[in-house]
Amino acid sequence: MGQIAMEYSEQNLEMLRNRLSQQDVKIRLDSVTALAEFAAIEKVVDDLIAILDNKAEKWFIRIQAIKSLNKSKSRKAIGAIFAVVNDEEAIVGSEARLAIGNLAANNEPLLIEALLEALGNDKNRFWAADTLGYYSKANLVQQALMDKVNKGNANEREAAAFALGYFKGEP
């Protein structure tokens, strides 16, 4: 796969964004890959999220969108990745879980916040608890989980207790 390498300029960025609507799959894939270098720019994050959310898009392009969004490390990007952990296209969900796990292993603060919030979500709460408990090594997370056990709603308490059951952080 030939990647597009270019310096930042508004013209280069717009050219890449315009290539996202091309019929040619390789052009779209290369553009999504190249946009990772511009992942700090909000309109790029929006474009990548649109690709990820497009269930009609090829699975491998959606996976590349996850990889590119992961470089953003913005709350919006993390939320979009988290939203597809149970995607109907299993390989897309698997890549999203891997991306989230990698961010959690590095104690990415915005991800930890998103996972703590997800403890109250019926659909992803045990997956979020599992990720927090297994990957995160931050003492801050252990305290946040204890707070959820003591002060959270029933879903949050149950999921936080689950995560604390095998927390791998330092005491």
C-alpha atoms as a PDB file:
ATOM      1  CA  MET A   1       0.000   0.000   0.000  1.00  0.00           C
ATOM      2  CA  GLY A   2       1.573   3.304  -1.039  1.00  0.00           C
ATOM      3  CA  GLN A   3       1.203   5.929   1.621  1.00  0.00           C
ATOM      4  CA  ILE A   4       0.894   9.612   0.898  1.00  0.00           C
ATOM      5  CA  ALA A   5       3.512  11.633   2.756  1.00  0.00           C
ATOM      6  CA  MET A   6       3.135  15.392   2.768  1.00  0.00           C
ATOM      7  CA  GLU A   7       3.744  18.458   4.839  1.00  0.00           C
ATOM      8  CA  TYR A   8       0.901  20.330   6.398  1.00  0.00           C
ATOM      9  CA  SER A   9      -0.699  23.017   4.333  1.00  0.00           C
ATOM     10  CA  GLU A  10      -4.354  23.899   4.025  1.00  0.00           C
ATOM     11  CA  GLN A  11      -4.153  22.976   0.341  1.00  0.00           C
ATOM     12  CA  ASN A  12      -2.688  19.512   1.067  1.00  0.00           C
ATOM     13  CA  LEU A  13      -5.233  18.919   3.781  1.00  0.00           C
ATOM     14  CA  GLU A  14      -8.160  19.838   1.543  1.00  0.00           C
ATOM     15  CA  MET A  15      -6.797  17.650  -1.245  1.00  0.00           C
ATOM     16  CA  LEU A  16      -6.711  14.662   1.129  1.00  0.00           C
ATOM     17  CA  ARG A  17     -10.184  15.402   2.461  1.00  0.00           C
ATOM     18  CA  ASN A  18     -11.544  15.620  -1.100  1.00  0.00           C
ATOM     19  CA  ARG A  19      -9.974  12.248  -1.951  1.00  0.00           C
ATOM     20  CA  LEU A  20     -12.161  10.612   0.723  1.00  0.00           C
ATOM     21  CA  SER A  21     -15.133  10.769  -1.647  1.00  0.00           C
ATOM     22  CA  GLN A  22     -13.336   9.059  -4.537  1.00  0.00           C
ATOM     23  CA  GLN A  23     -14.757   5.791  -5.881  1.00  0.00           C
ATOM     24  CA  ASP A  24     -11.316   4.173  -5.960  1.00  0.00           C
ATOM     25  CA  VAL A  25     -10.861   2.198  -2.735  1.00  0.00           C
ATOM     26  CA  LYS A  26      -7.065   2.519  -2.768  1.00  0.00           C
ATOM     27  CA  ILE A  27      -7.260   6.304  -3.036  1.00  0.00           C
ATOM     28  CA  ARG A  28      -9.683   6.449  -0.081  1.00  0.00           C
ATOM     29  CA  LEU A  29      -7.538   4.074   1.982  1.00  0.00           C
ATOM     30  CA  ASP A  30      -4.344   6.026   1.279  1.00  0.00           C
ATOM     31  CA  SER A  31      -6.107   9.274   2.153  1.00  0.00           C
ATOM     32  CA  VAL A  32      -7.446   7.932   5.452  1.00  0.00           C
ATOM     33  CA  THR A  33      -3.938   6.706   6.275  1.00  0.00           C
ATOM     34  CA  ALA A  34      -2.351  10.063   5.415  1.00  0.00           C
ATOM     35  CA  LEU A  35      -4.948  11.975   7.446  1.00  0.00           C
ATOM     36  CA  ALA A  36      -3.497  10.414  10.603  1.00  0.00           C
ATOM     37  CA  GLU A  37      -0.776  13.060  10.375  1.00  0.00           C
ATOM     38  CA  PHE A  38      -3.467  15.744  10.630  1.00  0.00           C
ATOM     39  CA  ALA A  39      -5.488  14.026  13.369  1.00  0.00           C
ATOM     40  CA  ALA A  40      -5.146  16.986  15.725  1.00  0.00           C
ATOM     41  CA  ILE A  41      -7.361  19.070  13.426  1.00  0.00           C
ATOM     42  CA  GLU A  42     -11.042  18.868  14.355  1.00  0.00           C
ATOM     43  CA  LYS A  43     -12.418  18.739  10.799  1.00  0.00           C
ATOM     44  CA  VAL A  44     -10.119  15.783  10.096  1.00  0.00           C
ATOM     45  CA  VAL A  45     -11.417  14.014  13.204  1.00  0.00           C
ATOM     46  CA  ASP A  46     -14.954  14.671  11.944  1.00  0.00           C
ATOM     47  CA  ASP A  47     -14.094  13.219   8.520  1.00  0.00           C
ATOM     48  CA  LEU A  48     -12.524  10.126  10.058  1.00  0.00           C
ATOM     49  CA  ILE A  49     -15.501   9.624  12.371  1.00  0.00           C
ATOM     50  CA  ALA A  50     -17.846   9.856   9.383  1.00  0.00           C
ATOM     51  CA  ILE A  51     -15.856   7.104   7.668  1.00  0.00           C
ATOM     52  CA  LEU A  52     -15.869   4.962  10.797  1.00  0.00           C
ATOM     53  CA  ASP A  53     -19.618   5.427  11.246  1.00  0.00           C
ATOM     54  CA  ASN A  54     -20.357   4.574   7.608  1.00  0.00           C
ATOM     55  CA  LYS A  55     -21.367   0.905   7.786  1.00  0.00           C
ATOM     56  CA  ALA A  56     -21.352   0.742   3.972  1.00  0.00           C
ATOM     57  CA  GLU A  57     -17.632   1.599   3.862  1.00  0.00           C
ATOM     58  CA  LYS A  58     -15.125  -1.227   3.386  1.00  0.00           C
ATOM     59  CA  TRP A  59     -14.081  -2.755   6.710  1.00  0.00           C
ATOM     60  CA  PHE A  60     -10.368  -2.185   6.069  1.00  0.00           C
ATOM     61  CA  ILE A  61     -10.945   1.530   5.466  1.00  0.00           C
ATOM     62  CA  ARG A  62     -12.954   1.749   8.694  1.00  0.00           C
ATOM     63  CA  ILE A  63     -10.083   0.004  10.510  1.00  0.00           C
ATOM     64  CA  GLN A  64      -7.636   2.527   9.096  1.00  0.00           C
ATOM     65  CA  ALA A  65      -9.960   5.294  10.315  1.00  0.00           C
ATOM     66  CA  ILE A  66      -9.659   3.810  13.830  1.00  0.00           C
ATOM     67  CA  LYS A  67      -5.867   3.814  13.551  1.00  0.00           C
ATOM     68  CA  SER A  68      -5.850   7.407  12.320  1.00  0.00           C
ATOM     69  CA  LEU A  69      -8.335   8.551  14.981  1.00  0.00           C
ATOM     70  CA  ASN A  70      -6.229   6.857  17.640  1.00  0.00           C
ATOM     71  CA  LYS A  71      -3.425   9.302  16.868  1.00  0.00           C
ATOM     72  CA  SER A  72      -5.719  12.207  17.712  1.00  0.00           C
ATOM     73  CA  LYS A  73      -6.213  11.134  21.325  1.00  0.00           C
ATOM     74  CA  SER A  74      -9.024  13.664  21.543  1.00  0.00           C
ATOM     75  CA  ARG A  75     -12.139  12.976  23.565  1.00  0.00           C
ATOM     76  CA  LYS A  76     -14.237  13.055  20.386  1.00  0.00           C
ATOM     77  CA  ALA A  77     -11.980  10.525  18.619  1.00  0.00           C
ATOM     78  CA  ILE A  78     -11.853   8.232  21.632  1.00  0.00           C
ATOM     79  CA  GLY A  79     -15.638   8.367  21.922  1.00  0.00           C
ATOM     80  CA  ALA A  80     -16.006   7.391  18.258  1.00  0.00           C
ATOM     81  CA  ILE A  81     -13.620   4.463  18.649  1.00  0.00           C
ATOM     82  CA  PHE A  82     -15.349   3.364  21.836  1.00  0.00           C
ATOM     83  CA  ALA A  83     -18.721   3.487  20.054  1.00  0.00           C
ATOM     84  CA  VAL A  84     -17.670   0.712  17.661  1.00  0.00           C
ATOM     85  CA  VAL A  85     -16.168  -1.803  20.117  1.00  0.00           C
ATOM     86  CA  ASN A  86     -19.225  -3.990  19.512  1.00  0.00           C
ATOM     87  CA  ASP A  87     -19.537  -3.205  15.806  1.00  0.00           C
ATOM     88  CA  GLU A  88     -21.551  -5.627  13.673  1.00  0.00           C
ATOM     89  CA  GLU A  89     -18.415  -6.024  11.530  1.00  0.00           C
ATOM     90  CA  ALA A  90     -16.447  -8.110  14.055  1.00  0.00           C
ATOM     91  CA  ILE A  91     -13.022  -7.165  12.735  1.00  0.00           C
ATOM     92  CA  VAL A  92     -13.822  -3.451  13.132  1.00  0.00           C
ATOM     93  CA  GLY A  93     -14.915  -4.016  16.736  1.00  0.00           C
ATOM     94  CA  SER A  94     -11.781  -6.046  17.386  1.00  0.00           C
ATOM     95  CA  GLU A  95      -9.567  -3.239  16.071  1.00  0.00           C
ATOM     96  CA  ALA A  96     -11.463  -0.709  18.200  1.00  0.00           C
ATOM     97  CA  ARG A  97     -10.942  -2.850  21.318  1.00  0.00           C
ATOM     98  CA  LEU A  98      -7.251  -3.154  20.490  1.00  0.00           C
ATOM     99  CA  ALA A  99      -6.926   0.626  20.041  1.00  0.00           C
ATOM    100  CA  ILE A 100      -8.734   1.290  23.328  1.00  0.00           C
ATOM    101  CA  GLY A 101      -6.608  -1.323  25.090  1.00  0.00           C
ATOM    102  CA  ASN A 102      -3.407   0.284  23.818  1.00  0.00           C
ATOM    103  CA  LEU A 103      -4.522   3.705  25.023  1.00  0.00           C
ATOM    104  CA  ALA A 104      -5.527   2.239  28.393  1.00  0.00           C
ATOM    105  CA  ALA A 105      -2.176   0.460  28.729  1.00  0.00           C
ATOM    106  CA  ASN A 106      -0.535   3.869  28.315  1.00  0.00           C
ATOM    107  CA  ASN A 107      -2.906   5.418  30.869  1.00  0.00           C
ATOM    108  CA  GLU A 108      -4.253   7.941  28.379  1.00  0.00           C
ATOM    109  CA  PRO A 109      -6.247  10.302  30.663  1.00  0.00           C
ATOM    110  CA  LEU A 110      -9.086  11.067  28.229  1.00  0.00           C
ATOM    111  CA  LEU A 111      -9.623   7.365  27.605  1.00  0.00           C
ATOM    112  CA  ILE A 112      -9.710   6.617  31.308  1.00  0.00           C
ATOM    113  CA  GLU A 113     -12.398   9.290  31.736  1.00  0.00           C
ATOM    114  CA  ALA A 114     -14.429   7.797  28.863  1.00  0.00           C
ATOM    115  CA  LEU A 115     -14.145   4.300  30.320  1.00  0.00           C
ATOM    116  CA  LEU A 116     -15.193   5.490  33.766  1.00  0.00           C
ATOM    117  CA  GLU A 117     -18.242   7.189  32.230  1.00  0.00           C
ATOM    118  CA  ALA A 118     -19.076   4.023  30.293  1.00  0.00           C
ATOM    119  CA  LEU A 119     -19.469   2.041  33.510  1.00  0.00           C
ATOM    120  CA  GLY A 120     -23.048   3.327  33.605  1.00  0.00           C
ATOM    121  CA  ASN A 121     -23.782   2.220  30.013  1.00  0.00           C
ATOM    122  CA  ASP A 122     -25.612  -1.112  29.824  1.00  0.00           C
ATOM    123  CA  LYS A 123     -24.129  -2.053  26.453  1.00  0.00           C
ATOM    124  CA  ASN A 124     -20.410  -1.530  27.157  1.00  0.00           C
ATOM    125  CA  ARG A 125     -20.083  -1.340  30.928  1.00  0.00           C
ATOM    126  CA  PHE A 126     -18.435  -4.706  31.529  1.00  0.00           C
ATOM    127  CA  TRP A 127     -16.141  -4.238  28.585  1.00  0.00           C
ATOM    128  CA  ALA A 128     -15.154  -0.812  30.001  1.00  0.00           C
ATOM    129  CA  ALA A 129     -14.696  -2.350  33.458  1.00  0.00           C
ATOM    130  CA  ASP A 130     -12.588  -5.133  31.999  1.00  0.00           C
ATOM    131  CA  THR A 131     -10.398  -2.623  30.179  1.00  0.00           C
ATOM    132  CA  LEU A 132      -9.984  -0.440  33.251  1.00  0.00           C
ATOM    133  CA  GLY A 133      -9.225  -3.384  35.500  1.00  0.00           C
ATOM    134  CA  TYR A 134      -6.921  -5.245  33.206  1.00  0.00           C
ATOM    135  CA  TYR A 135      -4.981  -2.603  31.311  1.00  0.00           C
ATOM    136  CA  SER A 136      -4.793   0.474  33.463  1.00  0.00           C
ATOM    137  CA  LYS A 137      -2.049   0.773  36.035  1.00  0.00           C
ATOM    138  CA  ALA A 138      -2.918   4.223  37.368  1.00  0.00           C
ATOM    139  CA  ASN A 139      -3.667   4.500  41.093  1.00  0.00           C
ATOM    140  CA  LEU A 140      -6.015   7.290  40.066  1.00  0.00           C
ATOM    141  CA  VAL A 141      -8.143   4.687  38.290  1.00  0.00           C
ATOM    142  CA  GLN A 142      -8.288   2.492  41.366  1.00  0.00           C
ATOM    143  CA  GLN A 143      -9.566   5.441  43.407  1.00  0.00           C
ATOM    144  CA  ALA A 144     -12.082   6.396  40.714  1.00  0.00           C
ATOM    145  CA  LEU A 145     -13.383   2.813  40.664  1.00  0.00           C
ATOM    146  CA  MET A 146     -13.717   2.855  44.455  1.00  0.00           C
ATOM    147  CA  ASP A 147     -15.690   6.092  44.162  1.00  0.00           C
ATOM    148  CA  LYS A 148     -18.008   4.410  41.622  1.00  0.00           C
ATOM    149  CA  VAL A 149     -18.487   1.452  43.984  1.00  0.00           C
ATOM    150  CA  ASN A 150     -19.377   3.799  46.834  1.00  0.00           C
ATOM    151  CA  LYS A 151     -21.328   6.527  45.027  1.00  0.00           C
ATOM    152  CA  GLY A 152     -22.334   5.260  41.585  1.00  0.00           C
ATOM    153  CA  ASN A 153     -25.658   3.977  40.355  1.00  0.00           C
ATOM    154  CA  ALA A 154     -26.338   0.223  40.435  1.00  0.00           C
ATOM    155  CA  ASN A 155     -24.785  -0.392  37.006  1.00  0.00           C
ATOM    156  CA  GLU A 156     -21.679   1.622  37.851  1.00  0.00           C
ATOM    157  CA  ARG A 157     -21.241  -0.095  41.223  1.00  0.00           C
ATOM    158  CA  GLU A 158     -21.511  -3.556  39.691  1.00  0.00           C
ATOM    159  CA  ALA A 159     -19.122  -2.796  36.808  1.00  0.00           C
ATOM    160  CA  ALA A 160     -16.609  -1.007  39.056  1.00  0.00           C
ATOM    161  CA  ALA A 161     -16.581  -3.936  41.492  1.00  0.00           C
ATOM    162  CA  PHE A 162     -15.978  -6.233  38.529  1.00  0.00           C
ATOM    163  CA  ALA A 163     -12.979  -4.110  37.452  1.00  0.00           C
ATOM    164  CA  LEU A 164     -11.551  -3.963  40.956  1.00  0.00           C
ATOM    165  CA  GLY A 165     -11.718  -7.758  41.112  1.00  0.00           C
ATOM    166  CA  TYR A 166      -8.590  -8.031  39.025  1.00  0.00           C
ATOM    167  CA  PHE A 167      -7.114  -4.537  39.042  1.00  0.00           C
ATOM    168  CA  LYS A 168      -3.431  -4.725  38.151  1.00  0.00           C
ATOM    169  CA  GLY A 169      -2.372  -1.313  39.490  1.00  0.00           C
ATOM    170  CA  GLU A 170       0.044  -0.674  42.307  1.00  0.00           C
ATOM    171  CA  PRO A 171      -1.554  -0.547  45.776  1.00  0.00           C
END
